[in-house]
Structures are given as C-alpha cells and as structure tokens.
Amino acid sequence: DALPGPAPAADDLMARAEEQEAVGGAVQALPENQRLALILKRFEGRSHREIAEAMGTTVAAVESLIQRAYEGLRERLKSHDVKKGAGNLPARC
C-alpha cells in the first residue's frame, strides 16, 4: 500500500550531480599520498594503523596526511557553490 515518495526535482538532481563532480574533482586534485590515505579512511573504513601499514609509514604521518587532505578539500571546494557539509567532510579528523 505504500506509495513511493515524490521524485526529486530536476534542479535538485542537477545540483547534487554538480556537487558530486566538484568533490570528486577536488579529491583527484589532492597529492597522491593524501588522496590514498583519505580514500582508505573515508571510503574503505580502514583504521589509521591499517593505513600506516599499507602505506609503509607511521600512524602520526597518516593522521597528518588525512588532516591535510581535508584541509585541501575544504579549500578547493570554497570556490564551488557546494553547501556546507557536502560530502560530509568532518570539521577535524
């Protein structure tokens, strides 16, 4: 008996696609080591220790890489009309 909710408006879908493209481009623009640490943490759910082992570095270095990656993303996304919180970027990692 449940009917599906209303479909998102075309404008909303386009805005969401543009946000995703901006975030994806910003991630690709990161230095390789920052991008790798971020992907392992954010998208694969790896711990800092696991990332350090995979990258052959220390946990402290991984924490620094992830911190710089988030800062880089925030800076790159400032120039886009991406809503605050888009991509769920944490205030601090």
C-alpha atoms as a PDB file:
ATOM      1  CA  ASP A   1       0.000   0.000   0.000  1.00  0.00           C
ATOM      2  CA  ALA A   2       2.939   2.326   0.449  1.00  0.00           C
ATOM      3  CA  LEU A   3       3.410   4.668  -2.447  1.00  0.00           C
ATOM      4  CA  PRO A   4       6.827   5.941  -3.349  1.00  0.00           C
ATOM      5  CA  GLY A   5       7.580   9.491  -2.238  1.00  0.00           C
ATOM      6  CA  PRO A   6       7.731  12.316  -4.702  1.00  0.00           C
ATOM      7  CA  ALA A   7      10.647  12.195  -7.114  1.00  0.00           C
ATOM      8  CA  PRO A   8      13.375  14.769  -6.537  1.00  0.00           C
ATOM      9  CA  ALA A   9      13.090  17.848  -8.696  1.00  0.00           C
ATOM     10  CA  ALA A  10      15.343  18.001 -11.750  1.00  0.00           C
ATOM     11  CA  ASP A  11      17.089  21.072 -10.308  1.00  0.00           C
ATOM     12  CA  ASP A  12      17.876  19.165  -7.115  1.00  0.00           C
ATOM     13  CA  LEU A  13      19.273  16.231  -9.075  1.00  0.00           C
ATOM     14  CA  MET A  14      21.458  18.524 -11.176  1.00  0.00           C
ATOM     15  CA  ALA A  15      22.732  20.376  -8.109  1.00  0.00           C
ATOM     16  CA  ARG A  16      23.584  17.078  -6.416  1.00  0.00           C
ATOM     17  CA  ALA A  17      25.416  15.846  -9.522  1.00  0.00           C
ATOM     18  CA  GLU A  18      27.397  19.091  -9.694  1.00  0.00           C
ATOM     19  CA  GLU A  19      28.327  18.764  -6.006  1.00  0.00           C
ATOM     20  CA  GLN A  20      29.480  15.191  -6.521  1.00  0.00           C
ATOM     21  CA  GLU A  21      31.549  16.254  -9.530  1.00  0.00           C
ATOM     22  CA  ALA A  22      33.143  19.102  -7.562  1.00  0.00           C
ATOM     23  CA  VAL A  23      34.004  16.814  -4.639  1.00  0.00           C
ATOM     24  CA  GLY A  24      35.349  14.131  -6.975  1.00  0.00           C
ATOM     25  CA  GLY A  25      37.495  16.667  -8.797  1.00  0.00           C
ATOM     26  CA  ALA A  26      38.787  18.056  -5.514  1.00  0.00           C
ATOM     27  CA  VAL A  27      39.724  14.551  -4.329  1.00  0.00           C
ATOM     28  CA  GLN A  28      41.540  13.858  -7.618  1.00  0.00           C
ATOM     29  CA  ALA A  29      43.468  17.132  -7.281  1.00  0.00           C
ATOM     30  CA  LEU A  30      44.951  16.110  -3.916  1.00  0.00           C
ATOM     31  CA  PRO A  31      48.554  14.920  -3.802  1.00  0.00           C
ATOM     32  CA  GLU A  32      48.678  11.151  -4.288  1.00  0.00           C
ATOM     33  CA  ASN A  33      49.640  10.244  -0.717  1.00  0.00           C
ATOM     34  CA  GLN A  34      46.877  12.432   0.757  1.00  0.00           C
ATOM     35  CA  ARG A  35      44.329  11.038  -1.704  1.00  0.00           C
ATOM     36  CA  LEU A  36      45.305   7.446  -0.891  1.00  0.00           C
ATOM     37  CA  ALA A  37      45.125   7.994   2.875  1.00  0.00           C
ATOM     38  CA  LEU A  38      41.749   9.735   2.507  1.00  0.00           C
ATOM     39  CA  ILE A  39      40.291   7.002   0.297  1.00  0.00           C
ATOM     40  CA  LEU A  40      41.476   4.246   2.616  1.00  0.00           C
ATOM     41  CA  LYS A  41      39.997   6.057   5.629  1.00  0.00           C
ATOM     42  CA  ARG A  42      36.797   7.513   4.245  1.00  0.00           C
ATOM     43  CA  PHE A  43      35.701   5.028   1.613  1.00  0.00           C
ATOM     44  CA  GLU A  44      37.247   1.778   2.793  1.00  0.00           C
ATOM     45  CA  GLY A  45      36.826   2.406   6.509  1.00  0.00           C
ATOM     46  CA  ARG A  46      40.417   1.484   7.358  1.00  0.00           C
ATOM     47  CA  SER A  47      41.921   2.440  10.699  1.00  0.00           C
ATOM     48  CA  HIS A  48      44.879   4.790  10.889  1.00  0.00           C
ATOM     49  CA  ARG A  49      47.042   1.834  11.876  1.00  0.00           C
ATOM     50  CA  GLU A  50      45.915  -0.207   8.847  1.00  0.00           C
ATOM     51  CA  ILE A  51      46.549   2.752   6.549  1.00  0.00           C
ATOM     52  CA  ALA A  52      50.014   3.260   8.028  1.00  0.00           C
ATOM     53  CA  GLU A  53      50.855  -0.397   7.413  1.00  0.00           C
ATOM     54  CA  ALA A  54      49.510  -0.298   3.847  1.00  0.00           C
ATOM     55  CA  MET A  55      51.406   2.895   3.049  1.00  0.00           C
ATOM     56  CA  GLY A  56      54.593   1.922   4.882  1.00  0.00           C
ATOM     57  CA  THR A  57      54.505   4.905   7.211  1.00  0.00           C
ATOM     58  CA  THR A  58      53.573   5.840  10.766  1.00  0.00           C
ATOM     59  CA  VAL A  59      50.167   6.443  12.304  1.00  0.00           C
ATOM     60  CA  ALA A  60      51.202  10.051  13.006  1.00  0.00           C
ATOM     61  CA  ALA A  61      52.069  10.536   9.330  1.00  0.00           C
ATOM     62  CA  VAL A  62      48.690   9.092   8.293  1.00  0.00           C
ATOM     63  CA  GLU A  63      46.879  11.440  10.668  1.00  0.00           C
ATOM     64  CA  SER A  64      48.772  14.364   9.167  1.00  0.00           C
ATOM     65  CA  LEU A  65      48.023  13.238   5.604  1.00  0.00           C
ATOM     66  CA  ILE A  66      44.316  12.904   6.328  1.00  0.00           C
ATOM     67  CA  GLN A  67      44.211  16.280   8.085  1.00  0.00           C
ATOM     68  CA  ARG A  68      45.931  17.972   5.133  1.00  0.00           C
ATOM     69  CA  ALA A  69      43.646  16.158   2.690  1.00  0.00           C
ATOM     70  CA  TYR A  70      40.526  17.501   4.419  1.00  0.00           C
ATOM     71  CA  GLU A  71      42.026  20.997   4.544  1.00  0.00           C
ATOM     72  CA  GLY A  72      42.831  20.773   0.840  1.00  0.00           C
ATOM     73  CA  LEU A  73      39.319  19.630   0.024  1.00  0.00           C
ATOM     74  CA  ARG A  74      37.765  22.458   2.010  1.00  0.00           C
ATOM     75  CA  GLU A  75      39.989  24.993   0.260  1.00  0.00           C
ATOM     76  CA  ARG A  76      39.241  23.636  -3.210  1.00  0.00           C
ATOM     77  CA  LEU A  77      35.510  23.427  -2.547  1.00  0.00           C
ATOM     78  CA  LYS A  78      35.293  27.037  -1.317  1.00  0.00           C
ATOM     79  CA  SER A  79      35.376  28.177  -4.928  1.00  0.00           C
ATOM     80  CA  HIS A  80      32.400  25.958  -5.772  1.00  0.00           C
ATOM     81  CA  ASP A  81      28.871  26.526  -4.649  1.00  0.00           C
ATOM     82  CA  VAL A  82      28.988  23.359  -2.550  1.00  0.00           C
ATOM     83  CA  LYS A  83      26.758  23.519   0.505  1.00  0.00           C
ATOM     84  CA  LYS A  84      28.414  23.361   3.904  1.00  0.00           C
ATOM     85  CA  GLY A  85      28.701  19.747   4.888  1.00  0.00           C
ATOM     86  CA  ALA A  86      28.616  18.427   1.331  1.00  0.00           C
ATOM     87  CA  GLY A  87      30.397  15.141   1.187  1.00  0.00           C
ATOM     88  CA  ASN A  88      30.195  15.064   4.985  1.00  0.00           C
ATOM     89  CA  LEU A  89      33.666  16.477   5.474  1.00  0.00           C
ATOM     90  CA  PRO A  90      34.448  16.412   9.167  1.00  0.00           C
ATOM     91  CA  ALA A  91      35.461  19.631  10.871  1.00  0.00           C
ATOM     92  CA  ARG A  92      38.516  17.801  12.202  1.00  0.00           C
ATOM     93  CA  CYS A  93      39.748  14.278  11.783  1.00  0.00           C
END
